[in-house]
Full PDB file with SEQRES, HELIX, SHEET, SSBOND, CRYST1, ORIGX, SCALE, CONECT and MASTER records, all heavy atoms in Angstrom:
SEQRES   1 A   34  SER GLU PRO ALA ALA ASP ARG ALA GLY GLU PRO ALA ALA          
SEQRES   2 A   34  GLY GLU ASP PHE ALA SER ARG VAL LEU ALA VAL VAL ASP          
SEQRES   3 A   34  SER ILE PRO PRO GLY ARG VAL MET                              
HELIX    1 AA1 ALA A    4  ALA A    8  1                                   5    
HELIX    2 AA2 ALA A   13  ASP A   26  1                                  14    
CRYST1    1.000    1.000    1.000  90.00  90.00  90.00 P 1           1          
ORIGX1      1.000000  0.000000  0.000000        0.00000                         
ORIGX2      0.000000  1.000000  0.000000        0.00000                         
ORIGX3      0.000000  0.000000  1.000000        0.00000                         
SCALE1      1.000000  0.000000  0.000000        0.00000                         
SCALE2      0.000000  1.000000  0.000000        0.00000                         
SCALE3      0.000000  0.000000  1.000000        0.00000                         
ATOM      1  N   SER A   1     -76.403  25.835 -97.364  1.00  0.00           N  
ATOM      2  CA  SER A   1     -75.494  24.710 -97.353  1.00  0.00           C  
ATOM      3  C   SER A   1     -73.959  25.154 -96.942  1.00  0.00           C  
ATOM      4  O   SER A   1     -73.124  24.376 -96.719  1.00  0.00           O  
ATOM      5  CB  SER A   1     -75.354  24.075 -98.714  1.00  0.00           C  
ATOM      6  OG  SER A   1     -74.827  25.138 -99.699  1.00  0.00           O  
ATOM      7  N   GLU A   2     -73.951  26.511 -96.720  1.00  0.00           N  
ATOM      8  CA  GLU A   2     -72.576  26.955 -96.252  1.00  0.00           C  
ATOM      9  C   GLU A   2     -72.483  26.677 -94.874  1.00  0.00           C  
ATOM     10  O   GLU A   2     -73.362  26.623 -93.986  1.00  0.00           O  
ATOM     11  CB  GLU A   2     -72.381  28.541 -96.512  1.00  0.00           C  
ATOM     12  CG  GLU A   2     -72.373  28.879 -97.964  1.00  0.00           C  
ATOM     13  CD  GLU A   2     -72.205  30.350 -98.191  1.00  0.00           C  
ATOM     14  OE1 GLU A   2     -71.681  31.007 -97.345  1.00  0.00           O  
ATOM     15  OE2 GLU A   2     -72.621  30.811 -99.293  1.00  0.00           O  
ATOM     16  N   PRO A   3     -71.185  26.554 -94.342  1.00  0.00           N  
ATOM     17  CA  PRO A   3     -70.929  26.207 -92.884  1.00  0.00           C  
ATOM     18  C   PRO A   3     -71.531  27.357 -92.043  1.00  0.00           C  
ATOM     19  O   PRO A   3     -71.479  28.494 -92.457  1.00  0.00           O  
ATOM     20  CB  PRO A   3     -69.426  26.001 -92.692  1.00  0.00           C  
ATOM     21  CG  PRO A   3     -68.974  25.828 -94.095  1.00  0.00           C  
ATOM     22  CD  PRO A   3     -69.941  26.431 -95.107  1.00  0.00           C  
ATOM     23  N   ALA A   4     -71.881  26.985 -90.885  1.00  0.00           N  
ATOM     24  CA  ALA A   4     -72.362  28.076 -89.992  1.00  0.00           C  
ATOM     25  C   ALA A   4     -71.365  29.195 -89.637  1.00  0.00           C  
ATOM     26  O   ALA A   4     -71.816  30.305 -89.420  1.00  0.00           O  
ATOM     27  CB  ALA A   4     -72.790  27.332 -88.477  1.00  0.00           C  
ATOM     28  N   ALA A   5     -70.091  28.905 -89.681  1.00  0.00           N  
ATOM     29  CA  ALA A   5     -69.089  29.809 -89.426  1.00  0.00           C  
ATOM     30  C   ALA A   5     -69.086  31.023 -90.480  1.00  0.00           C  
ATOM     31  O   ALA A   5     -68.898  32.098 -90.288  1.00  0.00           O  
ATOM     32  CB  ALA A   5     -67.665  29.200 -89.500  1.00  0.00           C  
ATOM     33  N   ASP A   6     -69.471  30.493 -91.698  1.00  0.00           N  
ATOM     34  CA  ASP A   6     -69.644  31.497 -92.758  1.00  0.00           C  
ATOM     35  C   ASP A   6     -70.917  32.300 -92.817  1.00  0.00           C  
ATOM     36  O   ASP A   6     -70.946  33.416 -93.101  1.00  0.00           O  
ATOM     37  CB  ASP A   6     -69.619  30.792 -94.204  1.00  0.00           C  
ATOM     38  CG  ASP A   6     -68.146  30.259 -94.483  1.00  0.00           C  
ATOM     39  OD1 ASP A   6     -67.193  30.621 -93.761  1.00  0.00           O  
ATOM     40  OD2 ASP A   6     -68.164  29.292 -95.296  1.00  0.00           O  
ATOM     41  N   ARG A   7     -71.893  31.828 -92.085  1.00  0.00           N  
ATOM     42  CA  ARG A   7     -73.174  32.421 -92.014  1.00  0.00           C  
ATOM     43  C   ARG A   7     -73.310  33.348 -90.747  1.00  0.00           C  
ATOM     44  O   ARG A   7     -73.779  34.418 -90.901  1.00  0.00           O  
ATOM     45  CB  ARG A   7     -74.340  31.434 -91.949  1.00  0.00           C  
ATOM     46  CG  ARG A   7     -74.665  30.722 -93.262  1.00  0.00           C  
ATOM     47  CD  ARG A   7     -75.745  29.752 -93.140  1.00  0.00           C  
ATOM     48  NE  ARG A   7     -75.209  28.564 -92.505  1.00  0.00           N  
ATOM     49  CZ  ARG A   7     -75.897  27.811 -91.652  1.00  0.00           C  
ATOM     50  NH1 ARG A   7     -77.171  28.041 -91.317  1.00  0.00           N  
ATOM     51  NH2 ARG A   7     -75.419  26.774 -91.197  1.00  0.00           N  
ATOM     52  N   ALA A   8     -72.774  33.063 -89.605  1.00  0.00           N  
ATOM     53  CA  ALA A   8     -72.967  33.739 -88.447  1.00  0.00           C  
ATOM     54  C   ALA A   8     -71.789  34.183 -87.702  1.00  0.00           C  
ATOM     55  O   ALA A   8     -71.796  34.593 -86.565  1.00  0.00           O  
ATOM     56  CB  ALA A   8     -73.959  32.939 -87.528  1.00  0.00           C  
ATOM     57  N   GLY A   9     -70.574  33.665 -88.224  1.00  0.00           N  
ATOM     58  CA  GLY A   9     -69.377  34.050 -87.587  1.00  0.00           C  
ATOM     59  C   GLY A   9     -69.021  33.133 -86.319  1.00  0.00           C  
ATOM     60  O   GLY A   9     -68.150  33.472 -85.474  1.00  0.00           O  
ATOM     61  N   GLU A  10     -69.822  32.060 -86.151  1.00  0.00           N  
ATOM     62  CA  GLU A  10     -69.653  31.136 -85.095  1.00  0.00           C  
ATOM     63  C   GLU A  10     -69.145  29.857 -85.797  1.00  0.00           C  
ATOM     64  O   GLU A  10     -69.343  29.563 -86.900  1.00  0.00           O  
ATOM     65  CB  GLU A  10     -70.963  30.892 -84.406  1.00  0.00           C  
ATOM     66  CG  GLU A  10     -71.556  32.108 -83.742  1.00  0.00           C  
ATOM     67  CD  GLU A  10     -72.935  31.885 -83.153  1.00  0.00           C  
ATOM     68  OE1 GLU A  10     -73.443  30.744 -83.200  1.00  0.00           O  
ATOM     69  OE2 GLU A  10     -73.514  32.915 -82.841  1.00  0.00           O  
ATOM     70  N   PRO A  11     -68.549  28.954 -84.829  1.00  0.00           N  
ATOM     71  CA  PRO A  11     -68.083  27.631 -85.305  1.00  0.00           C  
ATOM     72  C   PRO A  11     -69.234  26.805 -85.865  1.00  0.00           C  
ATOM     73  O   PRO A  11     -70.360  26.889 -85.363  1.00  0.00           O  
ATOM     74  CB  PRO A  11     -67.486  26.974 -84.173  1.00  0.00           C  
ATOM     75  CG  PRO A  11     -67.358  28.017 -83.133  1.00  0.00           C  
ATOM     76  CD  PRO A  11     -68.357  29.209 -83.407  1.00  0.00           C  
ATOM     77  N   ALA A  12     -68.969  26.039 -86.954  1.00  0.00           N  
ATOM     78  CA  ALA A  12     -69.938  25.075 -87.381  1.00  0.00           C  
ATOM     79  C   ALA A  12     -70.206  23.945 -86.351  1.00  0.00           C  
ATOM     80  O   ALA A  12     -69.335  23.856 -85.487  1.00  0.00           O  
ATOM     81  CB  ALA A  12     -69.498  24.469 -88.723  1.00  0.00           C  
ATOM     82  N   ALA A  13     -71.344  23.401 -86.394  1.00  0.00           N  
ATOM     83  CA  ALA A  13     -71.681  22.347 -85.440  1.00  0.00           C  
ATOM     84  C   ALA A  13     -70.595  21.291 -85.338  1.00  0.00           C  
ATOM     85  O   ALA A  13     -70.334  20.909 -84.220  1.00  0.00           O  
ATOM     86  CB  ALA A  13     -72.981  21.601 -85.818  1.00  0.00           C  
ATOM     87  N   GLY A  14     -70.022  20.888 -86.431  1.00  0.00           N  
ATOM     88  CA  GLY A  14     -68.935  19.779 -86.375  1.00  0.00           C  
ATOM     89  C   GLY A  14     -67.687  20.359 -85.627  1.00  0.00           C  
ATOM     90  O   GLY A  14     -67.084  19.628 -84.987  1.00  0.00           O  
ATOM     91  N   GLU A  15     -67.402  21.676 -85.975  1.00  0.00           N  
ATOM     92  CA  GLU A  15     -66.186  22.114 -85.222  1.00  0.00           C  
ATOM     93  C   GLU A  15     -66.476  22.255 -83.758  1.00  0.00           C  
ATOM     94  O   GLU A  15     -65.509  22.074 -82.950  1.00  0.00           O  
ATOM     95  CB  GLU A  15     -65.889  23.607 -85.830  1.00  0.00           C  
ATOM     96  CG  GLU A  15     -65.460  23.492 -87.137  1.00  0.00           C  
ATOM     97  CD  GLU A  15     -65.296  24.906 -87.819  1.00  0.00           C  
ATOM     98  OE1 GLU A  15     -65.247  25.816 -87.048  1.00  0.00           O  
ATOM     99  OE2 GLU A  15     -65.231  25.043 -89.023  1.00  0.00           O  
ATOM    100  N   ASP A  16     -67.623  22.545 -83.320  1.00  0.00           N  
ATOM    101  CA  ASP A  16     -68.027  22.595 -81.930  1.00  0.00           C  
ATOM    102  C   ASP A  16     -67.907  21.318 -81.298  1.00  0.00           C  
ATOM    103  O   ASP A  16     -67.310  21.129 -80.254  1.00  0.00           O  
ATOM    104  CB  ASP A  16     -69.378  23.185 -81.780  1.00  0.00           C  
ATOM    105  CG  ASP A  16     -69.800  23.310 -80.283  1.00  0.00           C  
ATOM    106  OD1 ASP A  16     -69.006  23.777 -79.467  1.00  0.00           O  
ATOM    107  OD2 ASP A  16     -70.864  22.771 -79.952  1.00  0.00           O  
ATOM    108  N   PHE A  17     -68.383  20.231 -81.986  1.00  0.00           N  
ATOM    109  CA  PHE A  17     -68.224  18.834 -81.441  1.00  0.00           C  
ATOM    110  C   PHE A  17     -66.705  18.509 -81.387  1.00  0.00           C  
ATOM    111  O   PHE A  17     -66.265  17.898 -80.290  1.00  0.00           O  
ATOM    112  CB  PHE A  17     -68.961  17.942 -82.305  1.00  0.00           C  
ATOM    113  CG  PHE A  17     -68.879  16.406 -81.961  1.00  0.00           C  
ATOM    114  CD1 PHE A  17     -69.725  16.002 -80.971  1.00  0.00           C  
ATOM    115  CD2 PHE A  17     -68.132  15.554 -82.434  1.00  0.00           C  
ATOM    116  CE1 PHE A  17     -69.795  14.672 -80.442  1.00  0.00           C  
ATOM    117  CE2 PHE A  17     -68.041  14.225 -82.050  1.00  0.00           C  
ATOM    118  CZ  PHE A  17     -68.973  13.836 -81.001  1.00  0.00           C  
ATOM    119  N   ALA A  18     -66.049  18.784 -82.272  1.00  0.00           N  
ATOM    120  CA  ALA A  18     -64.502  18.504 -82.297  1.00  0.00           C  
ATOM    121  C   ALA A  18     -63.887  19.230 -81.122  1.00  0.00           C  
ATOM    122  O   ALA A  18     -63.055  18.548 -80.376  1.00  0.00           O  
ATOM    123  CB  ALA A  18     -63.914  18.955 -83.626  1.00  0.00           C  
ATOM    124  N   SER A  19     -64.121  20.406 -80.789  1.00  0.00           N  
ATOM    125  CA  SER A  19     -63.546  21.187 -79.839  1.00  0.00           C  
ATOM    126  C   SER A  19     -63.891  20.560 -78.470  1.00  0.00           C  
ATOM    127  O   SER A  19     -63.057  20.433 -77.483  1.00  0.00           O  
ATOM    128  CB  SER A  19     -63.808  22.709 -79.784  1.00  0.00           C  
ATOM    129  OG  SER A  19     -65.163  22.928 -79.679  1.00  0.00           O  
ATOM    130  N   ARG A  20     -65.108  20.141 -78.375  1.00  0.00           N  
ATOM    131  CA  ARG A  20     -65.628  19.427 -77.097  1.00  0.00           C  
ATOM    132  C   ARG A  20     -64.901  18.202 -77.028  1.00  0.00           C  
ATOM    133  O   ARG A  20     -64.535  17.826 -75.806  1.00  0.00           O  
ATOM    134  CB  ARG A  20     -67.186  19.449 -77.154  1.00  0.00           C  
ATOM    135  CG  ARG A  20     -67.820  20.754 -77.041  1.00  0.00           C  
ATOM    136  CD  ARG A  20     -69.302  20.677 -77.306  1.00  0.00           C  
ATOM    137  NE  ARG A  20     -69.973  19.655 -76.464  1.00  0.00           N  
ATOM    138  CZ  ARG A  20     -70.940  19.008 -76.836  1.00  0.00           C  
ATOM    139  NH1 ARG A  20     -71.527  19.152 -78.129  1.00  0.00           N  
ATOM    140  NH2 ARG A  20     -71.687  18.105 -76.136  1.00  0.00           N  
ATOM    141  N   VAL A  21     -64.788  17.352 -78.101  1.00  0.00           N  
ATOM    142  CA  VAL A  21     -64.096  16.086 -77.843  1.00  0.00           C  
ATOM    143  C   VAL A  21     -62.734  16.246 -77.436  1.00  0.00           C  
ATOM    144  O   VAL A  21     -62.193  15.685 -76.465  1.00  0.00           O  
ATOM    145  CB  VAL A  21     -64.044  15.360 -79.254  1.00  0.00           C  
ATOM    146  CG1 VAL A  21     -63.079  14.205 -79.273  1.00  0.00           C  
ATOM    147  CG2 VAL A  21     -65.491  14.830 -79.594  1.00  0.00           C  
ATOM    148  N   LEU A  22     -61.951  17.311 -78.005  1.00  0.00           N  
ATOM    149  CA  LEU A  22     -60.612  17.423 -77.691  1.00  0.00           C  
ATOM    150  C   LEU A  22     -60.491  17.989 -76.171  1.00  0.00           C  
ATOM    151  O   LEU A  22     -59.548  17.568 -75.522  1.00  0.00           O  
ATOM    152  CB  LEU A  22     -59.949  18.529 -78.707  1.00  0.00           C  
ATOM    153  CG  LEU A  22     -59.902  18.086 -80.074  1.00  0.00           C  
ATOM    154  CD1 LEU A  22     -59.408  19.140 -81.000  1.00  0.00           C  
ATOM    155  CD2 LEU A  22     -58.994  16.837 -80.199  1.00  0.00           C  
ATOM    156  N   ALA A  23     -61.455  18.720 -75.744  1.00  0.00           N  
ATOM    157  CA  ALA A  23     -61.455  19.168 -74.332  1.00  0.00           C  
ATOM    158  C   ALA A  23     -61.576  18.139 -73.365  1.00  0.00           C  
ATOM    159  O   ALA A  23     -60.887  17.952 -72.352  1.00  0.00           O  
ATOM    160  CB  ALA A  23     -62.524  20.221 -74.142  1.00  0.00           C  
ATOM    161  N   VAL A  24     -62.450  17.121 -73.691  1.00  0.00           N  
ATOM    162  CA  VAL A  24     -62.669  15.920 -72.791  1.00  0.00           C  
ATOM    163  C   VAL A  24     -61.301  15.077 -72.801  1.00  0.00           C  
ATOM    164  O   VAL A  24     -60.765  14.722 -71.788  1.00  0.00           O  
ATOM    165  CB  VAL A  24     -63.801  14.974 -73.308  1.00  0.00           C  
ATOM    166  CG1 VAL A  24     -63.716  13.583 -72.594  1.00  0.00           C  
ATOM    167  CG2 VAL A  24     -65.133  15.768 -73.068  1.00  0.00           C  
ATOM    168  N   VAL A  25     -60.760  14.770 -73.927  1.00  0.00           N  
ATOM    169  CA  VAL A  25     -59.499  14.019 -74.099  1.00  0.00           C  
ATOM    170  C   VAL A  25     -58.415  14.744 -73.260  1.00  0.00           C  
ATOM    171  O   VAL A  25     -57.684  14.109 -72.651  1.00  0.00           O  
ATOM    172  CB  VAL A  25     -59.120  13.856 -75.577  1.00  0.00           C  
ATOM    173  CG1 VAL A  25     -57.786  13.174 -75.694  1.00  0.00           C  
ATOM    174  CG2 VAL A  25     -60.160  12.965 -76.275  1.00  0.00           C  
ATOM    175  N   ASP A  26     -58.301  16.071 -73.388  1.00  0.00           N  
ATOM    176  CA  ASP A  26     -57.215  16.715 -72.713  1.00  0.00           C  
ATOM    177  C   ASP A  26     -57.471  16.695 -71.237  1.00  0.00           C  
ATOM    178  O   ASP A  26     -56.515  16.907 -70.526  1.00  0.00           O  
ATOM    179  CB  ASP A  26     -57.250  18.158 -73.331  1.00  0.00           C  
ATOM    180  CG  ASP A  26     -56.102  18.921 -73.011  1.00  0.00           C  
ATOM    181  OD1 ASP A  26     -54.943  18.282 -73.116  1.00  0.00           O  
ATOM    182  OD2 ASP A  26     -55.935  20.152 -72.672  1.00  0.00           O  
ATOM    183  N   SER A  27     -58.611  16.444 -70.790  1.00  0.00           N  
ATOM    184  CA  SER A  27     -58.869  16.323 -69.332  1.00  0.00           C  
ATOM    185  C   SER A  27     -58.672  14.920 -68.747  1.00  0.00           C  
ATOM    186  O   SER A  27     -58.632  14.785 -67.450  1.00  0.00           O  
ATOM    187  CB  SER A  27     -60.303  16.744 -68.986  1.00  0.00           C  
ATOM    188  OG  SER A  27     -61.227  15.766 -69.375  1.00  0.00           O  
ATOM    189  N   ILE A  28     -58.201  13.841 -69.455  1.00  0.00           N  
ATOM    190  CA  ILE A  28     -58.024  12.596 -69.061  1.00  0.00           C  
ATOM    191  C   ILE A  28     -56.689  12.604 -68.335  1.00  0.00           C  
ATOM    192  O   ILE A  28     -55.757  12.970 -68.935  1.00  0.00           O  
ATOM    193  CB  ILE A  28     -58.005  11.599 -70.170  1.00  0.00           C  
ATOM    194  CG1 ILE A  28     -59.345  11.619 -70.845  1.00  0.00           C  
ATOM    195  CG2 ILE A  28     -57.784  10.116 -69.564  1.00  0.00           C  
ATOM    196  CD1 ILE A  28     -59.310  10.700 -72.246  1.00  0.00           C  
ATOM    197  N   PRO A  29     -56.653  12.212 -67.048  1.00  0.00           N  
ATOM    198  CA  PRO A  29     -55.386  12.252 -66.308  1.00  0.00           C  
ATOM    199  C   PRO A  29     -54.443  11.292 -66.767  1.00  0.00           C  
ATOM    200  O   PRO A  29     -54.696  10.159 -67.392  1.00  0.00           O  
ATOM    201  CB  PRO A  29     -55.757  11.926 -64.913  1.00  0.00           C  
ATOM    202  CG  PRO A  29     -57.270  11.933 -64.775  1.00  0.00           C  
ATOM    203  CD  PRO A  29     -57.770  11.781 -66.202  1.00  0.00           C  
ATOM    204  N   PRO A  30     -53.093  11.527 -66.522  1.00  0.00           N  
ATOM    205  CA  PRO A  30     -52.041  10.455 -66.942  1.00  0.00           C  
ATOM    206  C   PRO A  30     -52.302   9.162 -66.267  1.00  0.00           C  
ATOM    207  O   PRO A  30     -52.771   9.155 -65.128  1.00  0.00           O  
ATOM    208  CB  PRO A  30     -50.794  11.096 -66.414  1.00  0.00           C  
ATOM    209  CG  PRO A  30     -51.113  12.566 -66.308  1.00  0.00           C  
ATOM    210  CD  PRO A  30     -52.490  12.701 -66.024  1.00  0.00           C  
ATOM    211  N   GLY A  31     -52.121   8.107 -66.993  1.00  0.00           N  
ATOM    212  CA  GLY A  31     -52.315   6.656 -66.451  1.00  0.00           C  
ATOM    213  C   GLY A  31     -53.812   6.212 -66.581  1.00  0.00           C  
ATOM    214  O   GLY A  31     -54.135   5.161 -66.127  1.00  0.00           O  
ATOM    215  N   ARG A  32     -54.652   7.125 -67.116  1.00  0.00           N  
ATOM    216  CA  ARG A  32     -56.035   6.753 -67.186  1.00  0.00           C  
ATOM    217  C   ARG A  32     -56.521   6.786 -68.617  1.00  0.00           C  
ATOM    218  O   ARG A  32     -55.753   7.404 -69.532  1.00  0.00           O  
ATOM    219  CB  ARG A  32     -56.967   7.694 -66.480  1.00  0.00           C  
ATOM    220  CG  ARG A  32     -56.550   7.764 -64.935  1.00  0.00           C  
ATOM    221  CD  ARG A  32     -56.740   6.607 -64.079  1.00  0.00           C  
ATOM    222  NE  ARG A  32     -58.103   6.001 -64.116  1.00  0.00           N  
ATOM    223  CZ  ARG A  32     -59.002   6.354 -63.227  1.00  0.00           C  
ATOM    224  NH1 ARG A  32     -58.704   7.185 -62.246  1.00  0.00           N  
ATOM    225  NH2 ARG A  32     -60.208   5.803 -63.272  1.00  0.00           N  
ATOM    226  N   VAL A  33     -57.590   6.196 -69.107  1.00  0.00           N  
ATOM    227  CA  VAL A  33     -58.161   6.199 -70.393  1.00  0.00           C  
ATOM    228  C   VAL A  33     -59.583   6.175 -70.445  1.00  0.00           C  
ATOM    229  O   VAL A  33     -60.253   6.088 -69.490  1.00  0.00           O  
ATOM    230  CB  VAL A  33     -57.661   4.893 -71.160  1.00  0.00           C  
ATOM    231  CG1 VAL A  33     -56.180   4.761 -71.194  1.00  0.00           C  
ATOM    232  CG2 VAL A  33     -58.164   3.638 -70.527  1.00  0.00           C  
ATOM    233  N   MET A  34     -60.076   6.609 -71.556  1.00  0.00           N  
ATOM    234  CA  MET A  34     -61.453   6.460 -71.909  1.00  0.00           C  
ATOM    235  C   MET A  34     -61.649   5.841 -73.248  1.00  0.00           C  
ATOM    236  O   MET A  34     -60.786   6.020 -74.127  1.00  0.00           O  
ATOM    237  CB  MET A  34     -62.180   7.935 -71.971  1.00  0.00           C  
ATOM    238  CG  MET A  34     -62.085   8.638 -70.614  1.00  0.00           C  
ATOM    239  SD  MET A  34     -62.812  10.372 -70.774  1.00  0.00           S  
ATOM    240  CE  MET A  34     -64.516   9.947 -70.936  1.00  0.00           C  
TER     241      MET A  34                                                      
MASTER        0    0    0    2    0    0    0    6  240    1    0    3          
END                                                                             
């Protein structure tokens, strides 16, 4: 039940999803939206 980061030194699945979301959002050019 402990987060993956505590078990293997890697980000938990939710943290990985969050970082991927933020990377997509950061790639949206000015004047455009998703």
